[in-house]
Amino acid sequence: MKCPPLLLCLGVGRRRFPIWLPLFLLWPLAAAVIIVLAPLVLLAALILWPLGWGKPLLLSGPLFFDVFCALRGLEVNLNVGNRLMLISFK
């Protein structure tokens, strides 16, 4: 089962005081946007199907979800000069 990341941790500066952003609070908003845009995507897919762009358009939603789920466990440490930054998806 694919599970998207729940939290985003941002650490900035030498002391790296982490800022925790709860990503799970954005899921209901994202679901509402997807439900509202679904008829428009279906209409666009029907219009673009003869040109060969319909199927990729329909498959782009699950593809973006797979990429978002793959972010879980990603940690990026940036070290530029005297600036430090940590980005972590949990």
Protein backbone atom coordinates (compact mmCIF):
# COMPACT_ATOMS: atom_id res chain seq x y z
CA MET A 1 0.00 0.00 0.00
CA LYS A 2 1.29 3.43 -0.89
CA CYS A 3 1.18 5.96 1.88
CA PRO A 4 1.95 9.64 1.26
CA PRO A 5 4.17 11.56 3.68
CA LEU A 6 2.46 12.89 6.79
CA LEU A 7 4.90 15.60 7.87
CA LEU A 8 7.44 17.94 6.32
CA CYS A 9 10.33 19.03 8.51
CA LEU A 10 12.28 22.15 7.58
CA GLY A 11 15.46 23.01 9.46
CA VAL A 12 17.13 26.33 8.67
CA GLY A 13 20.38 27.78 10.01
CA ARG A 14 23.18 26.41 12.12
CA ARG A 15 20.96 25.59 15.07
CA ARG A 16 18.39 23.93 12.80
CA PHE A 17 15.26 24.69 14.75
CA PRO A 18 12.90 22.37 12.92
CA ILE A 19 9.63 23.64 11.56
CA TRP A 20 7.12 20.79 11.29
CA LEU A 21 4.42 21.20 8.65
CA PRO A 22 1.53 18.71 8.85
CA LEU A 23 0.90 17.60 5.27
CA PHE A 24 -2.06 15.44 6.27
CA LEU A 25 -4.10 18.60 6.84
CA LEU A 26 -3.80 19.38 3.12
CA TRP A 27 -5.33 16.06 2.00
CA PRO A 28 -9.01 17.13 2.38
CA LEU A 29 -8.28 20.30 0.40
CA ALA A 30 -6.49 18.30 -2.30
CA ALA A 31 -9.40 15.82 -2.46
CA ALA A 32 -11.89 18.67 -2.92
CA VAL A 33 -9.81 20.18 -5.74
CA ILE A 34 -9.51 16.79 -7.45
CA ILE A 35 -13.28 16.22 -7.25
CA VAL A 36 -14.00 19.66 -8.70
CA LEU A 37 -11.47 19.29 -11.53
CA ALA A 38 -12.35 15.67 -12.44
CA PRO A 39 -15.14 16.57 -14.93
CA LEU A 40 -12.87 19.09 -16.66
CA VAL A 41 -10.07 16.54 -16.97
CA LEU A 42 -12.48 13.96 -18.41
CA LEU A 43 -13.79 16.48 -20.93
CA ALA A 44 -10.26 17.47 -21.92
CA ALA A 45 -9.32 13.79 -22.28
CA LEU A 46 -12.29 13.18 -24.57
CA ILE A 47 -11.38 16.17 -26.71
CA LEU A 48 -7.69 15.25 -26.87
CA TRP A 49 -8.18 11.49 -27.36
CA PRO A 50 -8.01 11.64 -31.20
CA LEU A 51 -4.69 13.51 -30.95
CA GLY A 52 -3.18 10.85 -28.68
CA TRP A 53 -3.07 13.05 -25.57
CA GLY A 54 -6.19 11.68 -23.85
CA LYS A 55 -4.71 8.56 -22.27
CA PRO A 56 -1.58 10.32 -20.88
CA LEU A 57 -3.85 13.02 -19.45
CA LEU A 58 -5.98 10.44 -17.65
CA LEU A 59 -2.92 8.61 -16.31
CA SER A 60 -1.21 11.76 -15.04
CA GLY A 61 -3.25 11.83 -11.78
CA PRO A 62 -2.11 8.41 -10.53
CA LEU A 63 1.42 9.18 -11.70
CA PHE A 64 1.59 12.38 -9.63
CA PHE A 65 0.21 10.48 -6.61
CA ASP A 66 2.93 7.81 -7.02
CA VAL A 67 5.62 10.49 -7.15
CA PHE A 68 4.18 12.20 -4.05
CA CYS A 69 4.12 8.88 -2.16
CA ALA A 70 7.74 8.22 -3.16
CA LEU A 71 8.78 11.37 -1.25
CA ARG A 72 8.24 9.59 2.08
CA GLY A 73 11.62 9.10 3.74
CA LEU A 74 13.41 11.65 1.56
CA GLU A 75 15.96 13.80 3.39
CA VAL A 76 17.86 16.63 1.73
CA ASN A 77 20.74 18.41 3.48
CA LEU A 78 21.83 21.61 1.77
CA ASN A 79 25.15 23.12 2.75
CA VAL A 80 25.96 26.33 0.85
CA GLY A 81 28.78 28.36 2.37
CA ASN A 82 27.73 29.15 5.92
CA ARG A 83 24.04 28.38 5.31
CA LEU A 84 22.52 25.05 6.27
CA MET A 85 19.06 23.71 5.42
CA LEU A 86 17.38 20.38 6.06
CA ILE A 87 14.27 19.18 4.23
CA SER A 88 12.77 15.90 5.44
CA PHE A 89 9.54 14.12 4.49
CA LYS A 90 8.24 11.74 7.17
